[in-house]
Every structure is written in C-alpha cells, then in structure tokens.
Amino acid sequence: MANLKSLVKDTAIYGLSSIVARFINYLLVPIQTARFAASGGEYGVITNVYAYVSILIILLTFGMETTFFRFMNREGEQPERIYSTTLRMLATTSLLSIILVLLLIEPISSAVGYADHPEYVAVMYVTVAIDAFMAVPFAYLRYQHKPVKFAALKIINILLNISLNLLYLIILPALRLNPFGIYDEQFTLDVAFVFYINLVCTICSLLLLWKELRGFRFGFDGAACRRMLSYTWPLLIMGVAGQLNQAASQILFPYLYDGSVEEARAQLGIYGACIKIAMIMVMITQAFRFAYEPFVFGRSKDKDNRETYAQAMKFYVIFTLLAFLCVMGFIDVLKFIIGESYWEGLKVVPIVMAAEIMFGVFFNLSFWYKLTDRTIWGAYFSGFGALVLISIDVLFIPRFSYMACAWAGFVAYAASMLLSYFIGQHYYKINYPLKDISVYVVIAFIFYTFMRIASSWPLIASLAFNTLLILLFVALIVKRDLPLAGLPVIGKYFKNK
C-alpha cells in the first residue's frame, strides 16, 4: 500500500501539471479554429502535419525512454554512463536525420502532399528532431523525481506557444500588422506561422535544459549502447505501430477521402478539432505514465508488486470513466473550445474517448513484457492493432468520412488490449479485479445512455441532470473503493464520527 501511495503522489504531481498544461494548450484550439475556418482546410493541414510528427517522434526516440528507465535501475549498470550514452545516441541520430531530410526536402515534401510548401516539412522536422533529443533530459528529471521542474518547463513552453499564437494569429492580423509589426493591409497570414512558432518554443525549452545537458560529460559506453539497442528495438516497432493507431487515420485521410483535396482537408480539420475535446484521456494516461514507468521499474523486485499493479489498473479505469462522464455531461459547454464551424464533428468525441481509455488499459498491461524482457510482444500487439485500424480506414473512409477514423481507433485499441491481457496472463499472471472494473464500466455506460437521452432537453435541465449522474458516480466510487475516512485531512473528521 505504501508503494501505491507513492504512485498516487507522483501521479498527482504530474497529473496536476499535465492538467494545467493541457488546459493552457487547449487555448490553441479556439485560437486556431477561430483564425482558420473549417471550410478553408488550414486546420486540416495542421492536423495532418502533426500526425506525421507523432510518428516521427517515436522513430527518433526509438523507445529509449522506457529503455532508459530499465537500464538506470538495472543491477550492474552505471546510471551516469547510461544517461550520457543515451544523450549521445539521440543527439547523433537527431542531427544526422535533420541533415538528411533537409538535403531531400523536395522529394519528401512531394511525397506527403506539400510540394508547394516544403517549408512546412522542413520546419516541423527540425522541431520534432529537437523534441526527440529532449526526451532524454526530461526522462532524467523523472528519474530524479523532479516533477516540479519537469512540469515548469513544460508549462513555460506551452505558455510561450499560446502567447505567440495569440499575437501572430489574432492580434497582429486584427491590427493589420505584418509579423514585423509594420502596417500592411494586404498581408495574408499563412498556416506556416503555426509551425515556425512551434520551432521557436522548442528551441527555448532546449536552452532551459542546460543543466541536464551537462550529462554529456560522463562519456559513451559502447557495450551499454549495444545492450540498450537490443532491448529497445522491439519497443521501437511497438511504438510506431501503437502511434499508427492514433495517427494513421489523419495521415491516410487525404488519400482515401472521396472528394477534392480542399474538401478532404476541411473534413480532416473538423475531425482534428473535435478530437481535441477527447484528449483529456490522453492527458490522464500521460500523467499516469510519467509516474508509472519509474515506479514499476524501481520496484520490480518487491514481493507485493503484482497486487499493486492490479490495484493501479482498477483505479486507472475508475477515474478515466469518471473523466469520460464529466466530458460527455458537459459537452454542450466544452464545445465552445472549438469554433462553431467545427461542431458537426462532435459525435466522434465519445468514441475517441472510449478508445483512449482502452489505450490506457493497454499501457497498464504492457509491463508484463517489459519486466520480463519480452518486449517483442508489444510490437506484435501494436502491429496487429495498426493493421486493424488501417484496414478499417481503407475500407470505410471513402464512405463514412471521419466517422470511420473514430471507429477504426476504437476497434484497434480493443484488439490490442484484449490480446495483451490474455497472453500476458500466461507469462506474467496478475489477478486484476475484473468484476469490480466491470461494475464501473456497466454503470458508466448506463449513465452515458441517460446523458444521451437528456441531450434533447433544455440546456439547464440537461446540465443539472448530468451533474447529478456524475455525483452519483463519485458517490459510488467513495462507497466502494475510496472511503472518506482513508483520505488525508478530511479523513480525520470521518474517523471521529
């Protein structure tokens, strides 16, 4: 139980910072969707380019975050040398890849559909290569249990991004000023400014990590490098396949959509904007992951670890279901995050949120093959899920547009999750409380159905009813699994009752 409390504490710190960061980052959505109308397709370009970015970041980090934690906690390894070796590996691969891409920028831009705008590809690749390198010093902060600095740097990056987006997308165009602050009534803002701003923010974050970058001085361990590469290559395959489950639809959509390029970008922009509302699940899973990886690898020798993992799974599902109900209960308010021209795509939100819950469960399950050094299984599971997703996209995007993307992700995550669970029980059996989890899933589904019925009511009545359902779900959690007497501060009051 002490270990679980430690996990909860770290998750709370990372979670709070992640919530703040994501909330601030959400401001990009109303700014960009207000500046770029759905019909113009500019937000579709942003969605498409960032889908490529999400794949590239996996390729360029090649699973070294998880590998880093594994080797930093492995007996016989020297943590300083592991850190320095990892830094040098990613610095080398990132720099070489930047040179290669810039040399081949024209054919690459043509291949991804931006022959007329190679600057989109060039700027975003340099940005993602720097981001990939920064994954190591950020992982080192997590290893050192410095969540405050970790969170501060992330939030500073986002605040700068928001400020520059607001300045260049809203304020300067409203004043008829060009990027240099000079009056120009004919100036037209290009979507490329979004990518330039991202590059500036990334460089600033790199400069703020100067203390962590001193880890280069510990030298390079060739033998450790080979051991790490042997461990990590299945994680690379797993990571790419897993990210394809999230990004393949946005990449493939312009090629599969039955219509013009402009219309495809407009439809993709609607989908990309609406799934931002569902990204609260990504936020929760990310916060959990930041705390859970060092927690698991740091305590892999504890006798009670399997019971702890089982309880962690249950509480993850419980609180993500609560988040699901909160978002769906207040969707009529949250929709104002995006521009009104994008609202027609809100129907994808519950599907994408449910898919992200299953992805979080899949992440929880993944530690059986990471702890037993059978990481190839992760590649199998994610690869199968990616094949399912791509197959559904190819078959149904031409007919059902972006709704096919939402359901493709749902089915793919479900397939990966179920495969990992059943095979994992053979190699590393954990007695997950499936009965308790199922109770919460069923009740959450019933409550969501009631919310759907109430959506046709007047707004105030619908919100009041949905709030009541959410409070009932919270009461159920408190009654079954989170007694108030066990909570800090207020628990003292209930113990005296």
Protein backbone atom coordinates (compact mmCIF):
# COMPACT_ATOMS: atom_id res chain seq x y z
CA MET A 1 0.00 0.00 0.00
CA ALA A 2 2.92 2.35 0.68
CA ASN A 3 4.12 1.81 -2.88
CA LEU A 4 0.65 2.58 -4.22
CA LYS A 5 0.54 5.79 -2.18
CA SER A 6 3.89 6.78 -3.69
CA LEU A 7 2.48 6.18 -7.17
CA VAL A 8 -0.61 8.22 -6.34
CA LYS A 9 1.55 11.08 -5.05
CA ASP A 10 3.75 11.19 -8.16
CA THR A 11 0.76 10.79 -10.46
CA ALA A 12 -0.98 13.68 -8.67
CA ILE A 13 2.02 15.96 -9.20
CA TYR A 14 2.45 15.01 -12.83
CA GLY A 15 -1.31 14.94 -13.27
CA LEU A 16 -1.87 18.44 -11.89
CA SER A 17 0.87 19.87 -14.06
CA SER A 18 -0.42 17.92 -17.04
CA ILE A 19 -3.95 19.20 -16.44
CA VAL A 20 -2.71 22.78 -16.20
CA ALA A 21 -0.53 22.35 -19.27
CA ARG A 22 -3.26 20.69 -21.30
CA PHE A 23 -5.80 23.30 -20.24
CA ILE A 24 -3.47 26.07 -21.36
CA ASN A 25 -2.65 24.16 -24.53
CA TYR A 26 -6.37 23.86 -25.26
CA LEU A 27 -6.31 27.60 -25.83
CA LEU A 28 -4.51 26.86 -29.09
CA VAL A 29 -7.66 25.17 -30.37
CA PRO A 30 -10.04 28.16 -30.09
CA ILE A 31 -7.29 30.49 -31.35
CA GLN A 32 -6.50 28.39 -34.40
CA THR A 33 -10.07 27.34 -35.19
CA ALA A 34 -11.17 30.97 -34.84
CA ARG A 35 -8.43 32.13 -37.19
CA PHE A 36 -8.85 29.29 -39.70
CA ALA A 37 -12.45 28.39 -40.62
CA ALA A 38 -13.28 24.73 -41.24
CA SER A 39 -14.08 25.35 -44.89
CA GLY A 40 -10.59 26.70 -45.58
CA GLY A 41 -8.85 23.45 -44.67
CA GLU A 42 -5.95 25.11 -42.83
CA TYR A 43 -6.72 23.26 -39.61
CA GLY A 44 -6.77 20.09 -41.67
CA VAL A 45 -3.19 20.86 -42.71
CA ILE A 46 -2.23 21.33 -39.05
CA THR A 47 -3.93 18.04 -38.13
CA ASN A 48 -2.23 16.18 -40.98
CA VAL A 49 1.26 17.57 -40.33
CA TYR A 50 1.09 16.86 -36.59
CA ALA A 51 0.01 13.30 -37.35
CA TYR A 52 3.32 12.83 -39.20
CA VAL A 53 5.09 14.49 -36.28
CA SER A 54 3.65 11.99 -33.81
CA ILE A 55 5.10 9.11 -35.84
CA LEU A 56 8.45 10.81 -36.31
CA ILE A 57 8.89 11.44 -32.58
CA ILE A 58 8.54 7.69 -31.98
CA LEU A 59 11.06 6.87 -34.71
CA LEU A 60 13.58 9.39 -33.46
CA THR A 61 13.34 8.39 -29.78
CA PHE A 62 13.20 4.66 -30.76
CA GLY A 63 11.85 3.53 -27.39
CA MET A 64 14.72 4.99 -25.41
CA GLU A 65 12.54 6.50 -22.69
CA THR A 66 11.40 3.09 -21.42
CA THR A 67 14.86 1.61 -22.12
CA PHE A 68 16.44 4.46 -20.15
CA PHE A 69 14.38 3.66 -17.03
CA ARG A 70 15.03 -0.05 -17.39
CA PHE A 71 18.82 0.35 -17.55
CA MET A 72 19.05 3.13 -14.97
CA ASN A 73 17.54 0.68 -12.46
CA ARG A 74 19.29 -2.48 -13.65
CA GLU A 75 21.93 -4.01 -11.37
CA GLY A 76 25.48 -3.67 -12.63
CA GLU A 77 24.82 -0.58 -14.75
CA GLN A 78 26.30 2.84 -14.02
CA PRO A 79 23.43 5.39 -14.10
CA GLU A 80 25.64 8.35 -15.09
CA ARG A 81 27.14 6.43 -18.01
CA ILE A 82 23.72 5.20 -19.10
CA TYR A 83 22.39 8.76 -19.10
CA SER A 84 25.37 10.12 -21.04
CA THR A 85 25.26 7.26 -23.52
CA THR A 86 21.55 7.80 -24.14
CA LEU A 87 22.08 11.54 -24.63
CA ARG A 88 24.81 10.96 -27.18
CA MET A 89 22.80 8.33 -29.06
CA LEU A 90 19.79 10.56 -29.54
CA ALA A 91 21.85 13.67 -30.25
CA THR A 92 23.64 11.84 -33.05
CA THR A 93 20.55 10.32 -34.65
CA SER A 94 18.58 13.58 -34.43
CA LEU A 95 21.34 15.67 -36.00
CA LEU A 96 22.06 13.22 -38.82
CA SER A 97 18.36 12.90 -39.64
CA ILE A 98 17.95 16.69 -39.84
CA ILE A 99 20.80 16.91 -42.35
CA LEU A 100 19.34 14.05 -44.42
CA VAL A 101 15.81 15.48 -44.51
CA LEU A 102 16.98 18.98 -45.46
CA LEU A 103 19.03 17.50 -48.32
CA LEU A 104 15.97 15.58 -49.58
CA ILE A 105 13.34 18.17 -48.70
CA GLU A 106 11.79 18.46 -52.18
CA PRO A 107 11.01 14.77 -52.83
CA ILE A 108 9.90 14.27 -49.23
CA SER A 109 7.54 17.27 -49.40
CA SER A 110 6.06 15.98 -52.65
CA ALA A 111 5.55 12.51 -51.19
CA VAL A 112 3.49 13.79 -48.23
CA GLY A 113 1.39 16.18 -50.33
CA TYR A 114 3.10 19.51 -49.67
CA ALA A 115 5.17 20.03 -52.81
CA ASP A 116 4.14 23.71 -52.87
CA HIS A 117 5.09 24.22 -49.21
CA PRO A 118 8.33 22.38 -48.41
CA GLU A 119 8.83 24.81 -45.52
CA TYR A 120 6.03 23.00 -43.63
CA VAL A 121 8.03 19.79 -43.71
CA ALA A 122 11.44 21.35 -43.07
CA VAL A 123 10.40 23.43 -40.06
CA MET A 124 8.38 20.69 -38.42
CA TYR A 125 11.07 18.06 -38.92
CA VAL A 126 13.73 20.19 -37.26
CA THR A 127 11.27 20.81 -34.41
CA VAL A 128 10.45 17.14 -33.90
CA ALA A 129 14.12 16.12 -34.04
CA ILE A 130 14.95 18.55 -31.24
CA ASP A 131 11.90 17.32 -29.29
CA ALA A 132 13.10 13.73 -29.68
CA PHE A 133 16.50 14.60 -28.24
CA MET A 134 14.90 16.48 -25.32
CA ALA A 135 13.01 13.32 -24.33
CA VAL A 136 16.20 12.11 -22.61
CA PRO A 137 16.81 15.06 -20.24
CA PHE A 138 13.08 15.15 -19.48
CA ALA A 139 13.20 11.43 -18.64
CA TYR A 140 16.20 12.16 -16.42
CA LEU A 141 14.11 14.67 -14.48
CA ARG A 142 11.52 11.96 -13.91
CA TYR A 143 14.25 9.52 -12.83
CA GLN A 144 15.49 12.06 -10.30
CA HIS A 145 11.91 12.61 -9.07
CA LYS A 146 11.86 16.29 -10.02
CA PRO A 147 8.27 16.66 -11.19
CA VAL A 148 8.16 20.36 -10.32
CA LYS A 149 10.96 21.29 -12.72
CA PHE A 150 9.59 18.87 -15.30
CA ALA A 151 6.16 20.48 -15.10
CA ALA A 152 7.51 24.04 -15.02
CA LEU A 153 9.48 23.58 -18.23
CA LYS A 154 6.50 22.01 -20.00
CA ILE A 155 4.17 24.80 -18.90
CA ILE A 156 6.65 27.54 -19.90
CA ASN A 157 6.84 26.01 -23.37
CA ILE A 158 3.06 25.97 -23.71
CA LEU A 159 2.60 29.50 -22.36
CA LEU A 160 5.11 30.79 -24.89
CA ASN A 161 3.35 28.86 -27.64
CA ILE A 162 -0.03 30.28 -26.66
CA SER A 163 1.31 33.82 -26.45
CA LEU A 164 2.93 33.70 -29.87
CA ASN A 165 -0.14 32.09 -31.46
CA LEU A 166 -2.35 34.76 -29.96
CA LEU A 167 -0.02 37.50 -31.15
CA TYR A 168 0.53 36.28 -34.69
CA LEU A 169 -2.85 34.67 -35.42
CA ILE A 170 -5.23 37.11 -33.71
CA ILE A 171 -3.72 40.40 -32.55
CA LEU A 172 -1.45 41.36 -35.46
CA PRO A 173 -3.99 40.41 -38.18
CA ALA A 174 -6.69 42.39 -36.34
CA LEU A 175 -4.41 45.47 -36.33
CA ARG A 176 -3.43 44.88 -39.98
CA LEU A 177 0.19 44.43 -38.98
CA ASN A 178 2.63 42.01 -40.57
CA PRO A 179 4.90 39.72 -38.46
CA PHE A 180 7.39 42.59 -38.08
CA GLY A 181 4.75 44.91 -36.62
CA ILE A 182 4.56 47.07 -39.78
CA TYR A 183 1.14 48.14 -41.09
CA ASP A 184 0.23 46.11 -44.17
CA GLU A 185 -3.41 45.99 -45.20
CA GLN A 186 -2.70 43.34 -47.86
CA PHE A 187 -0.83 40.93 -45.59
CA THR A 188 -2.23 37.38 -45.56
CA LEU A 189 -1.29 35.02 -42.76
CA ASP A 190 -0.10 31.57 -43.79
CA VAL A 191 -0.58 28.44 -41.67
CA ALA A 192 3.23 28.05 -41.72
CA PHE A 193 3.39 30.53 -38.83
CA VAL A 194 1.96 27.81 -36.56
CA PHE A 195 4.98 25.64 -37.37
CA TYR A 196 7.54 28.44 -37.02
CA ILE A 197 6.13 29.28 -33.59
CA ASN A 198 6.46 25.65 -32.52
CA LEU A 199 10.12 25.63 -33.55
CA VAL A 200 10.88 28.77 -31.53
CA CYS A 201 9.24 27.31 -28.42
CA THR A 202 11.14 24.04 -28.77
CA ILE A 203 14.50 25.80 -29.02
CA CYS A 204 13.66 27.81 -25.89
CA SER A 205 12.87 24.59 -23.99
CA LEU A 206 16.18 23.09 -25.06
CA LEU A 207 18.05 26.10 -23.70
CA LEU A 208 16.26 25.78 -20.35
CA LEU A 209 17.55 22.21 -20.01
CA TRP A 210 21.19 23.30 -19.98
CA LYS A 211 21.87 21.81 -16.53
CA GLU A 212 20.63 18.37 -17.57
CA LEU A 213 22.66 18.55 -20.78
CA ARG A 214 25.85 18.52 -18.72
CA GLY A 215 25.28 14.76 -18.55
CA PHE A 216 27.29 14.51 -21.79
CA ARG A 217 30.46 14.66 -19.72
CA PHE A 218 30.06 11.12 -18.36
CA GLY A 219 31.19 9.62 -21.68
CA PHE A 220 29.90 6.95 -24.04
CA ASP A 221 29.63 3.26 -23.15
CA GLY A 222 29.62 1.22 -26.36
CA ALA A 223 28.75 -2.05 -24.62
CA ALA A 224 25.82 -0.44 -22.82
CA CYS A 225 24.70 1.08 -26.10
CA ARG A 226 24.53 -2.35 -27.72
CA ARG A 227 22.61 -3.80 -24.77
CA MET A 228 20.15 -0.91 -24.86
CA LEU A 229 19.62 -1.21 -28.61
CA SER A 230 18.96 -4.94 -28.22
CA TYR A 231 16.32 -4.17 -25.59
CA THR A 232 14.75 -1.21 -27.36
CA TRP A 233 14.27 -2.27 -30.97
CA PRO A 234 11.02 -4.16 -30.25
CA LEU A 235 9.86 -1.08 -28.34
CA LEU A 236 10.51 0.98 -31.47
CA ILE A 237 8.33 -1.30 -33.55
CA MET A 238 5.71 -1.32 -30.80
CA GLY A 239 5.85 2.46 -30.50
CA VAL A 240 5.48 3.09 -34.22
CA ALA A 241 2.67 0.57 -34.51
CA GLY A 242 1.00 1.99 -31.41
CA GLN A 243 1.25 5.56 -32.66
CA LEU A 244 -0.12 4.48 -36.02
CA ASN A 245 -3.25 3.60 -34.10
CA GLN A 246 -3.52 7.29 -33.21
CA ALA A 247 -2.10 8.98 -36.29
CA ALA A 248 -2.62 6.71 -39.30
CA SER A 249 -6.17 7.92 -39.88
CA GLN A 250 -5.08 11.56 -40.07
CA ILE A 251 -2.22 10.62 -42.42
CA LEU A 252 -4.28 8.39 -44.71
CA PHE A 253 -7.44 10.50 -44.76
CA PRO A 254 -6.42 12.91 -47.58
CA TYR A 255 -5.50 9.94 -49.78
CA LEU A 256 -8.67 7.92 -49.06
CA TYR A 257 -11.36 10.59 -48.86
CA ASP A 258 -13.77 10.53 -51.81
CA GLY A 259 -13.55 14.21 -52.79
CA SER A 260 -11.20 17.07 -53.61
CA VAL A 261 -8.01 17.80 -51.68
CA GLU A 262 -9.54 21.00 -50.28
CA GLU A 263 -12.67 19.18 -49.10
CA ALA A 264 -10.57 16.38 -47.58
CA ARG A 265 -8.53 18.91 -45.59
CA ALA A 266 -11.73 20.62 -44.42
CA GLN A 267 -13.22 17.33 -43.19
CA LEU A 268 -9.95 16.31 -41.56
CA GLY A 269 -9.82 19.68 -39.83
CA ILE A 270 -13.28 19.08 -38.33
CA TYR A 271 -12.20 15.69 -37.04
CA GLY A 272 -8.89 17.02 -35.74
CA ALA A 273 -10.57 19.88 -33.87
CA CYS A 274 -13.25 17.71 -32.26
CA ILE A 275 -10.89 15.02 -31.01
CA LYS A 276 -9.08 17.74 -29.07
CA ILE A 277 -12.02 17.66 -26.66
CA ALA A 278 -11.47 13.94 -26.18
CA MET A 279 -7.79 14.43 -25.42
CA ILE A 280 -8.46 14.65 -21.68
CA MET A 281 -7.97 10.88 -21.76
CA VAL A 282 -4.55 11.33 -23.32
CA MET A 283 -3.75 13.81 -20.57
CA ILE A 284 -4.73 11.39 -17.80
CA THR A 285 -2.90 8.47 -19.41
CA GLN A 286 0.20 10.60 -19.93
CA ALA A 287 0.20 11.76 -16.32
CA PHE A 288 -0.18 8.17 -15.17
CA ARG A 289 2.62 7.04 -17.48
CA PHE A 290 5.06 9.71 -16.28
CA ALA A 291 4.75 8.37 -12.73
CA TYR A 292 4.12 4.69 -13.50
CA GLU A 293 7.22 3.84 -15.58
CA PRO A 294 9.84 4.83 -12.97
CA PHE A 295 7.54 3.44 -10.25
CA VAL A 296 7.26 -0.01 -11.84
CA PHE A 297 10.91 -0.42 -12.80
CA GLY A 298 12.08 0.95 -9.46
CA ARG A 299 10.01 -1.59 -7.52
CA SER A 300 10.10 -4.61 -9.79
CA LYS A 301 11.69 -6.71 -7.02
CA ASP A 302 9.01 -6.00 -4.38
CA LYS A 303 7.05 -9.03 -3.27
CA ASP A 304 3.68 -7.27 -3.46
CA ASN A 305 4.22 -5.71 -6.88
CA ARG A 306 1.57 -7.72 -8.74
CA GLU A 307 -1.14 -6.81 -6.28
CA THR A 308 -0.07 -3.18 -6.60
CA TYR A 309 -0.26 -3.33 -10.41
CA ALA A 310 -3.75 -4.84 -10.19
CA GLN A 311 -4.99 -2.07 -7.90
CA ALA A 312 -3.37 0.59 -10.08
CA MET A 313 -5.27 -0.80 -13.08
CA LYS A 314 -8.59 -0.63 -11.24
CA PHE A 315 -8.14 2.96 -10.14
CA TYR A 316 -6.96 3.99 -13.60
CA VAL A 317 -10.17 2.63 -15.13
CA ILE A 318 -12.35 4.15 -12.41
CA PHE A 319 -11.04 7.67 -12.80
CA THR A 320 -10.90 7.62 -16.59
CA LEU A 321 -14.56 6.55 -16.62
CA LEU A 322 -15.31 9.47 -14.32
CA ALA A 323 -13.47 11.79 -16.72
CA PHE A 324 -15.49 10.33 -19.61
CA LEU A 325 -18.76 11.10 -17.84
CA CYS A 326 -17.60 14.62 -16.95
CA VAL A 327 -16.72 15.42 -20.56
CA MET A 328 -19.89 13.93 -22.00
CA GLY A 329 -22.02 15.51 -19.29
CA PHE A 330 -20.74 19.00 -20.14
CA ILE A 331 -20.11 18.58 -23.86
CA ASP A 332 -22.56 21.40 -24.61
CA VAL A 333 -20.25 23.75 -22.72
CA LEU A 334 -16.93 22.22 -23.77
CA LYS A 335 -17.82 22.51 -27.46
CA PHE A 336 -17.09 26.23 -27.26
CA ILE A 337 -13.39 25.28 -27.09
CA ILE A 338 -13.54 24.90 -30.87
CA GLY A 339 -15.01 27.17 -33.50
CA GLU A 340 -18.71 26.77 -34.30
CA SER A 341 -17.95 25.69 -37.87
CA TYR A 342 -16.41 22.51 -36.42
CA TRP A 343 -19.33 21.42 -34.20
CA GLU A 344 -20.75 18.96 -36.70
CA GLY A 345 -17.96 16.56 -35.76
CA LEU A 346 -18.74 16.37 -32.02
CA LYS A 347 -20.27 12.93 -32.49
CA VAL A 348 -16.77 11.43 -32.62
CA VAL A 349 -15.90 12.57 -29.07
CA PRO A 350 -17.39 9.64 -27.04
CA ILE A 351 -15.95 7.09 -29.47
CA VAL A 352 -12.44 8.56 -29.30
CA MET A 353 -12.60 8.91 -25.51
CA ALA A 354 -13.60 5.27 -25.10
CA ALA A 355 -10.76 4.27 -27.41
CA GLU A 356 -8.28 6.26 -25.33
CA ILE A 357 -9.45 4.51 -22.15
CA MET A 358 -8.64 1.18 -23.78
CA PHE A 359 -5.26 2.51 -24.86
CA GLY A 360 -4.57 3.40 -21.23
CA VAL A 361 -5.51 -0.12 -20.16
CA PHE A 362 -3.20 -1.48 -22.86
CA PHE A 363 -0.39 0.67 -21.46
CA ASN A 364 -1.06 -0.71 -17.96
CA LEU A 365 -0.92 -4.24 -19.30
CA SER A 366 2.32 -3.59 -21.18
CA PHE A 367 4.54 -4.01 -18.15
CA TRP A 368 4.31 -7.78 -18.14
CA TYR A 369 6.51 -7.97 -21.25
CA LYS A 370 8.69 -5.01 -20.27
CA LEU A 371 9.52 -6.52 -16.87
CA THR A 372 10.16 -9.98 -18.33
CA ASP A 373 12.23 -8.55 -21.23
CA ARG A 374 9.77 -9.92 -23.80
CA THR A 375 9.30 -6.55 -25.45
CA ILE A 376 8.76 -8.17 -28.86
CA TRP A 377 5.22 -8.98 -27.72
CA GLY A 378 4.44 -5.29 -27.53
CA ALA A 379 5.42 -4.99 -31.18
CA TYR A 380 3.10 -7.89 -32.06
CA PHE A 381 0.13 -6.40 -30.23
CA SER A 382 0.58 -2.87 -31.53
CA GLY A 383 1.32 -4.12 -35.04
CA PHE A 384 -1.89 -6.14 -35.09
CA GLY A 385 -3.84 -3.14 -33.85
CA ALA A 386 -2.31 -0.96 -36.56
CA LEU A 387 -3.28 -3.47 -39.24
CA VAL A 388 -6.85 -3.49 -37.95
CA LEU A 389 -7.00 0.31 -37.94
CA ILE A 390 -5.54 0.75 -41.41
CA SER A 391 -7.85 -1.92 -42.83
CA ILE A 392 -10.93 -0.18 -41.43
CA ASP A 393 -9.68 3.20 -42.69
CA VAL A 394 -9.09 1.90 -46.21
CA LEU A 395 -12.45 0.18 -46.38
CA PHE A 396 -14.68 2.81 -44.78
CA ILE A 397 -13.20 6.33 -45.04
CA PRO A 398 -14.39 6.68 -48.66
CA ARG A 399 -17.96 6.00 -47.48
CA PHE A 400 -18.17 7.29 -43.91
CA SER A 401 -15.53 10.05 -43.86
CA TYR A 402 -14.03 10.81 -40.42
CA MET A 403 -16.50 8.61 -38.53
CA ALA A 404 -14.55 5.67 -39.93
CA CYS A 405 -11.40 7.12 -38.33
CA ALA A 406 -13.04 7.25 -34.90
CA TRP A 407 -14.34 3.67 -35.03
CA ALA A 408 -11.08 2.37 -36.51
CA GLY A 409 -9.19 3.62 -33.44
CA PHE A 410 -11.79 2.12 -31.11
CA VAL A 411 -11.59 -1.36 -32.67
CA ALA A 412 -7.79 -1.28 -32.96
CA TYR A 413 -7.23 -0.40 -29.29
CA ALA A 414 -9.77 -3.01 -28.22
CA ALA A 415 -7.94 -5.69 -30.22
CA SER A 416 -4.51 -4.76 -28.83
CA MET A 417 -5.82 -4.55 -25.26
CA LEU A 418 -7.52 -7.95 -25.33
CA LEU A 419 -4.55 -9.72 -26.92
CA SER A 420 -2.14 -8.25 -24.36
CA TYR A 421 -4.36 -9.27 -21.46
CA PHE A 422 -4.92 -12.91 -22.44
CA ILE A 423 -1.33 -13.62 -23.50
CA GLY A 424 0.06 -11.69 -20.53
CA GLN A 425 -1.87 -13.85 -18.10
CA HIS A 426 0.11 -16.81 -19.40
CA TYR A 427 3.58 -15.27 -18.97
CA TYR A 428 3.07 -12.92 -16.00
CA LYS A 429 -0.22 -13.62 -14.26
CA ILE A 430 -1.82 -10.73 -12.41
CA ASN A 431 -5.20 -11.13 -10.73
CA TYR A 432 -6.84 -7.96 -11.94
CA PRO A 433 -10.16 -7.19 -10.18
CA LEU A 434 -12.19 -7.73 -13.34
CA LYS A 435 -15.51 -7.97 -11.52
CA ASP A 436 -15.07 -4.60 -9.82
CA ILE A 437 -13.87 -3.00 -13.06
CA SER A 438 -16.83 -4.43 -14.98
CA VAL A 439 -19.29 -2.96 -12.49
CA TYR A 440 -17.90 0.53 -13.07
CA VAL A 441 -17.87 0.08 -16.86
CA VAL A 442 -21.50 -1.02 -16.98
CA ILE A 443 -22.70 1.77 -14.69
CA ALA A 444 -20.74 4.37 -16.67
CA PHE A 445 -22.32 3.11 -19.89
CA ILE A 446 -25.82 3.30 -18.39
CA PHE A 447 -25.17 6.83 -17.14
CA TYR A 448 -23.86 7.86 -20.55
CA THR A 449 -27.02 6.48 -22.17
CA PHE A 450 -29.11 8.61 -19.81
CA MET A 451 -26.97 11.63 -20.77
CA ARG A 452 -27.68 10.97 -24.44
CA ILE A 453 -31.41 10.95 -23.72
CA ALA A 454 -31.11 14.19 -21.72
CA SER A 455 -29.25 15.93 -24.56
CA SER A 456 -32.61 16.74 -26.16
CA TRP A 457 -33.79 18.60 -23.05
CA PRO A 458 -33.35 22.34 -22.43
CA LEU A 459 -29.68 23.12 -21.70
CA ILE A 460 -30.05 23.96 -17.98
CA ALA A 461 -32.13 20.85 -17.29
CA SER A 462 -29.69 18.66 -19.21
CA LEU A 463 -26.66 20.02 -17.38
CA ALA A 464 -28.36 19.66 -13.98
CA PHE A 465 -29.35 16.06 -14.71
CA ASN A 466 -25.87 15.17 -15.99
CA THR A 467 -24.27 16.76 -12.91
CA LEU A 468 -26.48 14.58 -10.72
CA LEU A 469 -25.36 11.45 -12.59
CA ILE A 470 -21.70 12.42 -12.20
CA LEU A 471 -22.17 13.00 -8.47
CA LEU A 472 -23.84 9.60 -8.16
CA PHE A 473 -20.82 8.01 -9.87
CA VAL A 474 -18.49 9.80 -7.46
CA ALA A 475 -20.60 8.57 -4.55
CA LEU A 476 -20.30 5.03 -5.89
CA ILE A 477 -16.50 5.35 -6.02
CA VAL A 478 -16.40 6.67 -2.45
CA LYS A 479 -18.73 3.96 -1.22
CA ARG A 480 -16.97 1.03 -2.87
CA ASP A 481 -13.29 1.91 -3.17
CA LEU A 482 -12.38 5.27 -1.71
CA PRO A 483 -13.76 5.60 1.83
CA LEU A 484 -13.59 9.17 3.06
CA ALA A 485 -12.08 8.04 6.35
CA GLY A 486 -8.98 6.95 4.48
CA LEU A 487 -8.37 10.30 2.81
CA PRO A 488 -5.88 12.88 4.12
CA VAL A 489 -7.17 15.86 6.15
CA ILE A 490 -10.90 15.20 5.79
CA GLY A 491 -10.35 11.57 6.80
CA LYS A 492 -9.65 12.66 10.37
CA TYR A 493 -13.15 14.10 10.59
CA PHE A 494 -14.82 10.90 9.42
CA LYS A 495 -12.70 8.70 11.69
CA ASN A 496 -14.06 10.60 14.66
CA LYS A 497 -17.64 10.00 13.60
